[in-house]
Amino acid sequence: MPGTMDKLLTQLGVEQEQRSFAALSGKLADGLALPAPQGLFPRYVDPEAAA
């Protein structure tokens, strides 16, 4: 999960130095340009349906 949270914070545009409990403000910066979203977890594929 720590790696996944790193990916999530990157997608939200949170800089490395702002990733601490002390830096929590509850809101993202206004006008922040976000990168294209990417999946955080691998897609589940039902093994029986894939066969």
N, C-alpha and C. Protein backbone atom coordinates (compact mmCIF):
# COMPACT_ATOMS: atom_id res chain seq x y z
N MET A 1 0.80 -1.21 0.00
CA MET A 1 0.00 0.00 0.00
C MET A 1 0.84 1.28 0.00
N PRO A 2 2.00 1.31 0.67
CA PRO A 2 2.77 2.57 0.62
C PRO A 2 3.12 2.98 -0.81
N GLY A 3 3.48 2.02 -1.64
CA GLY A 3 3.79 2.34 -3.03
C GLY A 3 2.59 2.86 -3.79
N THR A 4 1.43 2.29 -3.50
CA THR A 4 0.20 2.72 -4.15
C THR A 4 -0.16 4.14 -3.72
N MET A 5 0.02 4.45 -2.45
CA MET A 5 -0.28 5.81 -1.97
C MET A 5 0.67 6.82 -2.60
N ASP A 6 1.90 6.41 -2.86
CA ASP A 6 2.84 7.28 -3.55
C ASP A 6 2.34 7.59 -4.96
N LYS A 7 1.84 6.56 -5.65
CA LYS A 7 1.28 6.75 -6.99
C LYS A 7 0.07 7.69 -6.94
N LEU A 8 -0.79 7.50 -5.95
CA LEU A 8 -1.99 8.33 -5.82
C LEU A 8 -1.61 9.79 -5.57
N LEU A 9 -0.68 10.03 -4.67
CA LEU A 9 -0.27 11.40 -4.38
C LEU A 9 0.40 12.04 -5.60
N THR A 10 1.14 11.26 -6.37
CA THR A 10 1.74 11.77 -7.59
C THR A 10 0.66 12.18 -8.57
N GLN A 11 -0.39 11.36 -8.73
CA GLN A 11 -1.49 11.69 -9.62
C GLN A 11 -2.26 12.92 -9.16
N LEU A 12 -2.25 13.18 -7.86
CA LEU A 12 -2.93 14.36 -7.32
C LEU A 12 -2.03 15.60 -7.34
N GLY A 13 -0.80 15.45 -7.80
CA GLY A 13 0.10 16.58 -7.92
C GLY A 13 0.72 17.03 -6.61
N VAL A 14 0.76 16.14 -5.62
CA VAL A 14 1.35 16.48 -4.32
C VAL A 14 2.85 16.27 -4.40
N GLU A 15 3.61 17.33 -4.15
CA GLU A 15 5.07 17.27 -4.21
C GLU A 15 5.63 16.40 -3.08
N GLN A 16 6.81 15.84 -3.28
CA GLN A 16 7.44 14.96 -2.30
C GLN A 16 7.56 15.62 -0.92
N GLU A 17 7.93 16.90 -0.89
CA GLU A 17 8.12 17.57 0.40
C GLU A 17 6.80 17.87 1.12
N GLN A 18 5.69 17.69 0.43
CA GLN A 18 4.37 17.92 1.04
C GLN A 18 3.69 16.63 1.49
N ARG A 19 4.42 15.52 1.47
CA ARG A 19 3.84 14.21 1.80
C ARG A 19 4.15 13.82 3.24
N SER A 20 3.66 14.63 4.16
CA SER A 20 3.83 14.34 5.59
C SER A 20 2.55 14.73 6.31
N PHE A 21 2.38 14.21 7.52
CA PHE A 21 1.19 14.57 8.29
C PHE A 21 1.19 16.06 8.62
N ALA A 22 2.37 16.64 8.81
CA ALA A 22 2.47 18.06 9.13
C ALA A 22 2.00 18.93 7.97
N ALA A 23 2.12 18.43 6.74
CA ALA A 23 1.76 19.21 5.55
C ALA A 23 0.30 19.04 5.14
N LEU A 24 -0.44 18.19 5.82
CA LEU A 24 -1.84 17.97 5.45
C LEU A 24 -2.65 19.25 5.62
N SER A 25 -3.36 19.63 4.57
CA SER A 25 -4.22 20.81 4.66
C SER A 25 -5.67 20.46 4.33
N GLY A 26 -5.88 19.25 3.79
CA GLY A 26 -7.24 18.84 3.46
C GLY A 26 -7.70 19.30 2.08
N LYS A 27 -6.86 20.01 1.35
CA LYS A 27 -7.28 20.52 0.05
C LYS A 27 -6.08 20.62 -0.88
N LEU A 28 -6.33 20.40 -2.17
CA LEU A 28 -5.29 20.56 -3.18
C LEU A 28 -5.22 22.02 -3.59
N ALA A 29 -4.10 22.42 -4.13
CA ALA A 29 -3.92 23.79 -4.59
C ALA A 29 -4.89 24.09 -5.73
N ASP A 30 -5.46 25.29 -5.74
CA ASP A 30 -6.37 25.71 -6.81
C ASP A 30 -5.61 25.83 -8.12
N GLY A 31 -6.24 25.41 -9.21
CA GLY A 31 -5.66 25.54 -10.54
C GLY A 31 -4.54 24.57 -10.84
N LEU A 32 -4.38 23.56 -10.02
CA LEU A 32 -3.32 22.58 -10.20
C LEU A 32 -3.62 21.71 -11.41
N ALA A 33 -2.69 21.64 -12.36
CA ALA A 33 -2.86 20.78 -13.53
C ALA A 33 -2.48 19.36 -13.15
N LEU A 34 -3.40 18.43 -13.31
CA LEU A 34 -3.16 17.04 -12.94
C LEU A 34 -2.79 16.22 -14.16
N PRO A 35 -1.92 15.22 -13.97
CA PRO A 35 -1.59 14.34 -15.10
C PRO A 35 -2.77 13.44 -15.44
N ALA A 36 -2.69 12.77 -16.58
CA ALA A 36 -3.74 11.82 -16.95
C ALA A 36 -3.82 10.72 -15.90
N PRO A 37 -5.02 10.34 -15.48
CA PRO A 37 -5.14 9.31 -14.46
C PRO A 37 -4.66 7.94 -14.97
N GLN A 38 -4.11 7.18 -14.04
CA GLN A 38 -3.66 5.81 -14.33
C GLN A 38 -4.20 4.91 -13.22
N GLY A 39 -4.38 3.65 -13.52
CA GLY A 39 -4.86 2.70 -12.53
C GLY A 39 -3.86 2.54 -11.40
N LEU A 40 -4.35 2.41 -10.18
CA LEU A 40 -3.49 2.22 -9.03
C LEU A 40 -3.28 0.74 -8.71
N PHE A 41 -4.25 -0.06 -9.08
CA PHE A 41 -4.20 -1.50 -8.81
C PHE A 41 -4.40 -2.25 -10.12
N PRO A 42 -3.84 -3.45 -10.24
CA PRO A 42 -4.07 -4.23 -11.46
C PRO A 42 -5.55 -4.60 -11.60
N ARG A 43 -6.00 -4.66 -12.82
CA ARG A 43 -7.39 -5.02 -13.08
C ARG A 43 -7.62 -6.49 -12.73
N TYR A 44 -8.72 -6.77 -12.04
CA TYR A 44 -9.05 -8.14 -11.69
C TYR A 44 -9.64 -8.83 -12.91
N VAL A 45 -9.14 -10.01 -13.21
CA VAL A 45 -9.67 -10.83 -14.28
C VAL A 45 -10.07 -12.16 -13.68
N ASP A 46 -11.34 -12.50 -13.81
CA ASP A 46 -11.86 -13.77 -13.30
C ASP A 46 -11.19 -14.89 -14.08
N PRO A 47 -10.46 -15.79 -13.40
CA PRO A 47 -9.76 -16.86 -14.12
C PRO A 47 -10.70 -17.74 -14.95
N GLU A 48 -11.91 -17.95 -14.47
CA GLU A 48 -12.85 -18.78 -15.21
C GLU A 48 -13.36 -18.07 -16.45
N ALA A 49 -13.54 -16.77 -16.39
CA ALA A 49 -14.03 -16.02 -17.54
C ALA A 49 -12.94 -15.86 -18.59
N ALA A 50 -11.68 -15.87 -18.17
CA ALA A 50 -10.56 -15.69 -19.10
C ALA A 50 -10.31 -16.97 -19.91
N ALA A 51 -10.77 -18.09 -19.42
CA ALA A 51 -10.51 -19.37 -20.10
C ALA A 51 -11.43 -19.62 -21.27
